[in-house]
PDB file of N, CA and C in Angstrom:
ATOM      1  N   UNK A   1       6.965 -20.845 -15.577  1.00  0.00           N
ATOM      2  CA  UNK A   1       7.820 -21.545 -16.210  1.00  0.00           C
ATOM      3  C   UNK A   1       8.072 -21.791 -17.306  1.00  0.00           C
ATOM      4  N   UNK A   2       9.247 -21.911 -17.955  1.00  0.00           N
ATOM      5  CA  UNK A   2       9.282 -22.344 -19.420  1.00  0.00           C
ATOM      6  C   UNK A   2       9.376 -24.040 -19.366  1.00  0.00           C
ATOM      7  N   UNK A   3       8.514 -24.536 -20.084  1.00  0.00           N
ATOM      8  CA  UNK A   3       8.547 -26.303 -20.304  1.00  0.00           C
ATOM      9  C   UNK A   3       9.284 -26.755 -21.772  1.00  0.00           C
ATOM     10  N   UNK A   4       9.362 -27.832 -22.003  1.00  0.00           N
ATOM     11  CA  UNK A   4       9.851 -28.200 -23.228  1.00  0.00           C
ATOM     12  C   UNK A   4       9.251 -27.931 -24.019  1.00  0.00           C
ATOM     13  N   UNK A   5       9.273 -27.703 -25.450  1.00  0.00           N
ATOM     14  CA  UNK A   5       8.750 -27.119 -26.703  1.00  0.00           C
ATOM     15  C   UNK A   5       7.978 -28.550 -26.850  1.00  0.00           C
ATOM     16  N   UNK A   6       6.530 -28.215 -27.317  1.00  0.00           N
ATOM     17  CA  UNK A   6       5.630 -29.132 -28.262  1.00  0.00           C
ATOM     18  C   UNK A   6       6.485 -29.523 -29.588  1.00  0.00           C
ATOM     19  N   UNK A   7       6.908 -30.634 -29.846  1.00  0.00           N
ATOM     20  CA  UNK A   7       7.119 -31.093 -31.208  1.00  0.00           C
ATOM     21  C   UNK A   7       6.567 -30.902 -32.381  1.00  0.00           C
ATOM     22  N   UNK A   8       6.869 -29.877 -33.329  1.00  0.00           N
ATOM     23  CA  UNK A   8       6.299 -29.022 -34.378  1.00  0.00           C
ATOM     24  C   UNK A   8       5.913 -27.945 -34.216  1.00  0.00           C
ATOM     25  N   UNK A   9       5.999 -27.387 -32.899  1.00  0.00           N
ATOM     26  CA  UNK A   9       5.434 -26.159 -32.692  1.00  0.00           C
ATOM     27  C   UNK A   9       6.300 -25.075 -32.503  1.00  0.00           C
ATOM     28  N   UNK A  10       5.972 -23.923 -33.300  1.00  0.00           N
ATOM     29  CA  UNK A  10       6.996 -23.084 -32.804  1.00  0.00           C
ATOM     30  C   UNK A  10       6.210 -21.554 -32.377  1.00  0.00           C
ATOM     31  N   UNK A  11       6.404 -21.144 -31.350  1.00  0.00           N
ATOM     32  CA  UNK A  11       5.670 -20.488 -30.647  1.00  0.00           C
ATOM     33  C   UNK A  11       6.086 -18.589 -31.457  1.00  0.00           C
ATOM     34  N   UNK A  12       5.185 -17.896 -31.325  1.00  0.00           N
ATOM     35  CA  UNK A  12       5.527 -16.561 -31.981  1.00  0.00           C
ATOM     36  C   UNK A  12       6.631 -15.916 -31.165  1.00  0.00           C
ATOM     37  N   UNK A  13       7.356 -14.947 -31.261  1.00  0.00           N
ATOM     38  CA  UNK A  13       8.458 -14.398 -30.704  1.00  0.00           C
ATOM     39  C   UNK A  13       7.626 -13.856 -29.566  1.00  0.00           C
ATOM     40  N   UNK A  14       6.600 -13.365 -29.481  1.00  0.00           N
ATOM     41  CA  UNK A  14       5.748 -12.647 -28.252  1.00  0.00           C
ATOM     42  C   UNK A  14       5.523 -13.315 -26.780  1.00  0.00           C
ATOM     43  N   UNK A  15       5.531 -14.751 -27.285  1.00  0.00           N
ATOM     44  CA  UNK A  15       5.407 -15.957 -26.519  1.00  0.00           C
ATOM     45  C   UNK A  15       6.400 -16.746 -25.849  1.00  0.00           C
ATOM     46  N   UNK A  16       7.709 -16.120 -26.250  1.00  0.00           N
ATOM     47  CA  UNK A  16       8.971 -16.492 -25.580  1.00  0.00           C
ATOM     48  C   UNK A  16       9.645 -16.128 -24.759  1.00  0.00           C
ATOM     49  N   UNK A  17       9.062 -15.042 -24.151  1.00  0.00           N
ATOM     50  CA  UNK A  17       9.799 -14.748 -23.060  1.00  0.00           C
ATOM     51  C   UNK A  17       8.618 -14.971 -22.037  1.00  0.00           C
ATOM     52  N   UNK A  18       9.445 -15.362 -20.654  1.00  0.00           N
ATOM     53  CA  UNK A  18       9.347 -15.911 -19.280  1.00  0.00           C
ATOM     54  C   UNK A  18       8.256 -14.540 -18.224  1.00  0.00           C
ATOM     55  N   UNK A  19       8.471 -13.448 -19.039  1.00  0.00           N
ATOM     56  CA  UNK A  19       8.541 -11.760 -18.186  1.00  0.00           C
ATOM     57  C   UNK A  19       6.992 -12.059 -18.117  1.00  0.00           C
ATOM     58  N   UNK A  20       6.890 -12.149 -16.999  1.00  0.00           N
ATOM     59  CA  UNK A  20       5.410 -11.804 -16.272  1.00  0.00           C
ATOM     60  C   UNK A  20       4.427 -10.849 -16.563  1.00  0.00           C
ATOM     61  N   UNK A  21       5.308  -9.345 -16.982  1.00  0.00           N
ATOM     62  CA  UNK A  21       4.952  -8.331 -17.109  1.00  0.00           C
ATOM     63  C   UNK A  21       3.721  -7.646 -17.904  1.00  0.00           C
ATOM     64  N   UNK A  22       3.580  -8.889 -18.572  1.00  0.00           N
ATOM     65  CA  UNK A  22       2.129  -8.545 -19.707  1.00  0.00           C
ATOM     66  C   UNK A  22       1.387  -9.002 -19.022  1.00  0.00           C
ATOM     67  N   UNK A  23       0.730  -9.921 -18.384  1.00  0.00           N
ATOM     68  CA  UNK A  23      -0.101 -10.531 -17.346  1.00  0.00           C
ATOM     69  C   UNK A  23      -0.764  -9.386 -16.862  1.00  0.00           C
ATOM     70  N   UNK A  24      -1.900  -9.212 -16.459  1.00  0.00           N
ATOM     71  CA  UNK A  24      -2.726  -8.430 -15.302  1.00  0.00           C
ATOM     72  C   UNK A  24      -3.741  -9.554 -14.725  1.00  0.00           C
ATOM     73  N   UNK A  25      -3.890  -9.315 -13.406  1.00  0.00           N
ATOM     74  CA  UNK A  25      -4.142  -9.824 -12.406  1.00  0.00           C
ATOM     75  C   UNK A  25      -5.314  -9.161 -11.744  1.00  0.00           C
ATOM     76  N   UNK A  26      -6.630  -9.889 -11.881  1.00  0.00           N
ATOM     77  CA  UNK A  26      -7.858  -9.158 -11.379  1.00  0.00           C
ATOM     78  C   UNK A  26      -8.701 -10.540 -10.384  1.00  0.00           C
ATOM     79  N   UNK A  27      -9.283  -9.707  -8.933  1.00  0.00           N
ATOM     80  CA  UNK A  27      -9.901 -11.028  -8.289  1.00  0.00           C
ATOM     81  C   UNK A  27     -11.289 -10.222  -7.875  1.00  0.00           C
ATOM     82  N   UNK A  28     -12.155 -11.084  -8.379  1.00  0.00           N
ATOM     83  CA  UNK A  28     -13.609 -10.354  -7.959  1.00  0.00           C
ATOM     84  C   UNK A  28     -14.297 -11.701  -7.118  1.00  0.00           C
ATOM     85  N   UNK A  29     -14.104 -11.768  -5.926  1.00  0.00           N
ATOM     86  CA  UNK A  29     -14.913 -12.674  -4.751  1.00  0.00           C
ATOM     87  C   UNK A  29     -13.793 -14.054  -4.966  1.00  0.00           C
ATOM     88  N   UNK A  30     -14.770 -15.220  -5.435  1.00  0.00           N
ATOM     89  CA  UNK A  30     -13.850 -16.338  -5.344  1.00  0.00           C
ATOM     90  C   UNK A  30     -13.268 -16.445  -7.063  1.00  0.00           C
ATOM     91  N   UNK A  31     -13.147 -15.588  -7.370  1.00  0.00           N
ATOM     92  CA  UNK A  31     -12.906 -15.860  -9.160  1.00  0.00           C
ATOM     93  C   UNK A  31     -11.425 -14.591  -9.337  1.00  0.00           C
ATOM     94  N   UNK A  32     -10.445 -15.478  -9.962  1.00  0.00           N
ATOM     95  CA  UNK A  32      -9.212 -14.789 -10.418  1.00  0.00           C
ATOM     96  C   UNK A  32      -9.316 -14.851 -11.638  1.00  0.00           C
ATOM     97  N   UNK A  33      -8.804 -13.503 -12.397  1.00  0.00           N
ATOM     98  CA  UNK A  33      -8.668 -13.677 -13.927  1.00  0.00           C
ATOM     99  C   UNK A  33      -7.224 -12.959 -14.033  1.00  0.00           C
ATOM    100  N   UNK A  34      -6.535 -13.815 -15.069  1.00  0.00           N
ATOM    101  CA  UNK A  34      -4.871 -13.476 -15.732  1.00  0.00           C
ATOM    102  C   UNK A  34      -5.295 -13.097 -17.253  1.00  0.00           C
ATOM    103  N   UNK A  35      -4.638 -11.824 -17.169  1.00  0.00           N
ATOM    104  CA  UNK A  35      -5.164 -11.446 -18.897  1.00  0.00           C
ATOM    105  C   UNK A  35      -3.656 -10.813 -19.436  1.00  0.00           C
ATOM    106  N   UNK A  36      -3.740 -11.469 -20.738  1.00  0.00           N
ATOM    107  CA  UNK A  36      -2.695 -10.919 -21.573  1.00  0.00           C
ATOM    108  C   UNK A  36      -3.536 -10.109 -22.409  1.00  0.00           C
ATOM    109  N   UNK A  37      -3.226  -8.889 -22.281  1.00  0.00           N
ATOM    110  CA  UNK A  37      -4.385  -8.064 -23.058  1.00  0.00           C
ATOM    111  C   UNK A  37      -4.494  -8.165 -24.604  1.00  0.00           C
ATOM    112  N   UNK A  38      -5.476  -8.523 -25.247  1.00  0.00           N
ATOM    113  CA  UNK A  38      -5.361  -8.430 -26.578  1.00  0.00           C
ATOM    114  C   UNK A  38      -4.897  -9.957 -27.004  1.00  0.00           C
ATOM    115  N   UNK A  39      -4.840 -10.866 -26.008  1.00  0.00           N
ATOM    116  CA  UNK A  39      -4.135 -12.300 -26.673  1.00  0.00           C
ATOM    117  C   UNK A  39      -4.745 -13.235 -25.812  1.00  0.00           C
ATOM    118  N   UNK A  40      -4.903 -13.611 -24.741  1.00  0.00           N
ATOM    119  CA  UNK A  40      -5.589 -14.673 -24.019  1.00  0.00           C
ATOM    120  C   UNK A  40      -5.986 -14.194 -22.532  1.00  0.00           C
ATOM    121  N   UNK A  41      -7.269 -15.070 -22.051  1.00  0.00           N
ATOM    122  CA  UNK A  41      -7.666 -14.862 -20.703  1.00  0.00           C
ATOM    123  C   UNK A  41      -7.923 -15.894 -20.187  1.00  0.00           C
ATOM    124  N   UNK A  42      -7.670 -16.001 -18.977  1.00  0.00           N
ATOM    125  CA  UNK A  42      -7.953 -17.637 -17.796  1.00  0.00           C
ATOM    126  C   UNK A  42      -8.563 -16.753 -16.932  1.00  0.00           C
ATOM    127  N   UNK A  43      -9.735 -17.741 -16.654  1.00  0.00           N
ATOM    128  CA  UNK A  43     -10.445 -17.158 -14.995  1.00  0.00           C
ATOM    129  C   UNK A  43     -10.635 -18.518 -14.208  1.00  0.00           C
ATOM    130  N   UNK A  44      -9.858 -18.399 -13.511  1.00  0.00           N
ATOM    131  CA  UNK A  44      -9.647 -19.323 -12.061  1.00  0.00           C
ATOM    132  C   UNK A  44     -10.868 -19.348 -10.913  1.00  0.00           C
ATOM    133  N   UNK A  45     -11.395 -20.355 -10.711  1.00  0.00           N
ATOM    134  CA  UNK A  45     -12.084 -20.234  -9.423  1.00  0.00           C
ATOM    135  C   UNK A  45     -11.199 -20.617  -8.150  1.00  0.00           C
ATOM    136  N   UNK A  46     -11.304 -19.930  -6.882  1.00  0.00           N
ATOM    137  CA  UNK A  46     -10.178 -20.251  -5.804  1.00  0.00           C
ATOM    138  C   UNK A  46     -11.359 -21.053  -4.801  1.00  0.00           C
ATOM    139  N   UNK A  47     -11.102 -22.306  -4.542  1.00  0.00           N
ATOM    140  CA  UNK A  47     -11.362 -23.333  -3.492  1.00  0.00           C
ATOM    141  C   UNK A  47     -10.930 -23.339  -2.201  1.00  0.00           C
ATOM    142  N   UNK A  48     -11.276 -22.737  -1.227  1.00  0.00           N
ATOM    143  CA  UNK A  48     -10.609 -22.797   0.022  1.00  0.00           C
ATOM    144  C   UNK A  48      -9.977 -23.988   0.804  1.00  0.00           C
ATOM    145  N   UNK A  49     -10.829 -25.110   0.287  1.00  0.00           N
ATOM    146  CA  UNK A  49     -10.326 -26.497   0.611  1.00  0.00           C
ATOM    147  C   UNK A  49     -10.826 -26.664   2.303  1.00  0.00           C
ATOM    148  N   UNK A  50     -10.329 -27.547   3.040  1.00  0.00           N
ATOM    149  CA  UNK A  50     -10.235 -27.661   4.481  1.00  0.00           C
ATOM    150  C   UNK A  50     -10.077 -26.806   5.442  1.00  0.00           C
ATOM    151  N   UNK A  51     -10.906 -25.911   6.135  1.00  0.00           N
ATOM    152  CA  UNK A  51     -10.609 -24.955   6.991  1.00  0.00           C
ATOM    153  C   UNK A  51      -9.516 -25.283   8.028  1.00  0.00           C
ATOM    154  N   UNK A  52      -9.591 -26.361   8.487  1.00  0.00           N
ATOM    155  CA  UNK A  52      -8.559 -26.538   9.828  1.00  0.00           C
ATOM    156  C   UNK A  52      -7.011 -27.227   8.932  1.00  0.00           C
ATOM    157  N   UNK A  53      -6.655 -27.276   7.830  1.00  0.00           N
ATOM    158  CA  UNK A  53      -5.785 -27.340   7.208  1.00  0.00           C
ATOM    159  C   UNK A  53      -5.089 -25.726   6.550  1.00  0.00           C
ATOM    160  N   UNK A  54      -3.952 -25.470   7.368  1.00  0.00           N
ATOM    161  CA  UNK A  54      -3.617 -23.949   6.772  1.00  0.00           C
ATOM    162  C   UNK A  54      -3.202 -23.709   5.535  1.00  0.00           C
ATOM    163  N   UNK A  55      -2.927 -24.490   4.492  1.00  0.00           N
ATOM    164  CA  UNK A  55      -2.511 -24.501   3.381  1.00  0.00           C
ATOM    165  C   UNK A  55      -3.407 -25.217   2.054  1.00  0.00           C
ATOM    166  N   UNK A  56      -4.712 -25.147   2.489  1.00  0.00           N
ATOM    167  CA  UNK A  56      -5.384 -26.095   1.547  1.00  0.00           C
ATOM    168  C   UNK A  56      -6.036 -25.279   0.818  1.00  0.00           C
ATOM    169  N   UNK A  57      -5.625 -24.003  -0.008  1.00  0.00           N
ATOM    170  CA  UNK A  57      -6.362 -23.484  -0.955  1.00  0.00           C
ATOM    171  C   UNK A  57      -5.886 -23.881  -2.475  1.00  0.00           C
ATOM    172  N   UNK A  58      -6.863 -23.956  -3.306  1.00  0.00           N
ATOM    173  CA  UNK A  58      -6.503 -24.467  -4.719  1.00  0.00           C
ATOM    174  C   UNK A  58      -7.278 -23.405  -5.390  1.00  0.00           C
ATOM    175  N   UNK A  59      -6.498 -23.421  -6.675  1.00  0.00           N
ATOM    176  CA  UNK A  59      -7.288 -22.500  -7.890  1.00  0.00           C
ATOM    177  C   UNK A  59      -7.476 -23.705  -9.414  1.00  0.00           C
ATOM    178  N   UNK A  60      -8.790 -23.670  -9.491  1.00  0.00           N
ATOM    179  CA  UNK A  60      -9.242 -24.299 -10.480  1.00  0.00           C
ATOM    180  C   UNK A  60      -9.678 -23.889 -11.949  1.00  0.00           C
ATOM    181  N   UNK A  61      -9.240 -23.854 -13.188  1.00  0.00           N
ATOM    182  CA  UNK A  61      -9.335 -22.951 -14.215  1.00  0.00           C
ATOM    183  C   UNK A  61     -10.599 -23.219 -14.431  1.00  0.00           C
ATOM    184  N   UNK A  62     -11.423 -22.492 -14.590  1.00  0.00           N
ATOM    185  CA  UNK A  62     -12.863 -22.342 -15.183  1.00  0.00           C
ATOM    186  C   UNK A  62     -13.218 -22.182 -16.568  1.00  0.00           C
ATOM    187  N   UNK A  63     -12.338 -21.157 -17.297  1.00  0.00           N
ATOM    188  CA  UNK A  63     -12.433 -20.615 -18.648  1.00  0.00           C
ATOM    189  C   UNK A  63     -10.925 -20.215 -18.843  1.00  0.00           C
ATOM    190  N   UNK A  64     -10.824 -20.546 -20.273  1.00  0.00           N
ATOM    191  CA  UNK A  64      -9.748 -19.997 -20.860  1.00  0.00           C
ATOM    192  C   UNK A  64     -10.224 -19.693 -22.485  1.00  0.00           C
ATOM    193  N   UNK A  65      -9.977 -18.607 -23.054  1.00  0.00           N
ATOM    194  CA  UNK A  65     -10.049 -18.286 -24.252  1.00  0.00           C
ATOM    195  C   UNK A  65      -9.106 -17.138 -24.803  1.00  0.00           C
ATOM    196  N   UNK A  66      -9.077 -17.356 -26.358  1.00  0.00           N
ATOM    197  CA  UNK A  66      -7.960 -16.436 -27.004  1.00  0.00           C
ATOM    198  C   UNK A  66      -8.835 -15.259 -27.344  1.00  0.00           C
ATOM    199  N   UNK A  67      -8.287 -14.071 -27.564  1.00  0.00           N
ATOM    200  CA  UNK A  67      -8.877 -12.827 -27.428  1.00  0.00           C
ATOM    201  C   UNK A  67      -8.434 -12.404 -28.759  1.00  0.00           C
ATOM    202  N   UNK A  68      -7.422 -12.908 -29.405  1.00  0.00           N
ATOM    203  CA  UNK A  68      -6.729 -12.358 -30.820  1.00  0.00           C
ATOM    204  C   UNK A  68      -7.409 -13.405 -31.936  1.00  0.00           C
TER     205      UNK A  68
END
């Protein structure tokens, strides 16, 4: 979702869209990678939490980097 712009920051036109179509998602074991090819990549660790709670899973960002 869009959030309020940071004061003094103007995003490039290519980043102004909420279109999720530019992102690719892959999963290997407990890691999920979200990548905007040629722009940026984020890796998340999936923590399943307490097995007795049905919805106690979380993702923790463990790496993010610019690809450009």
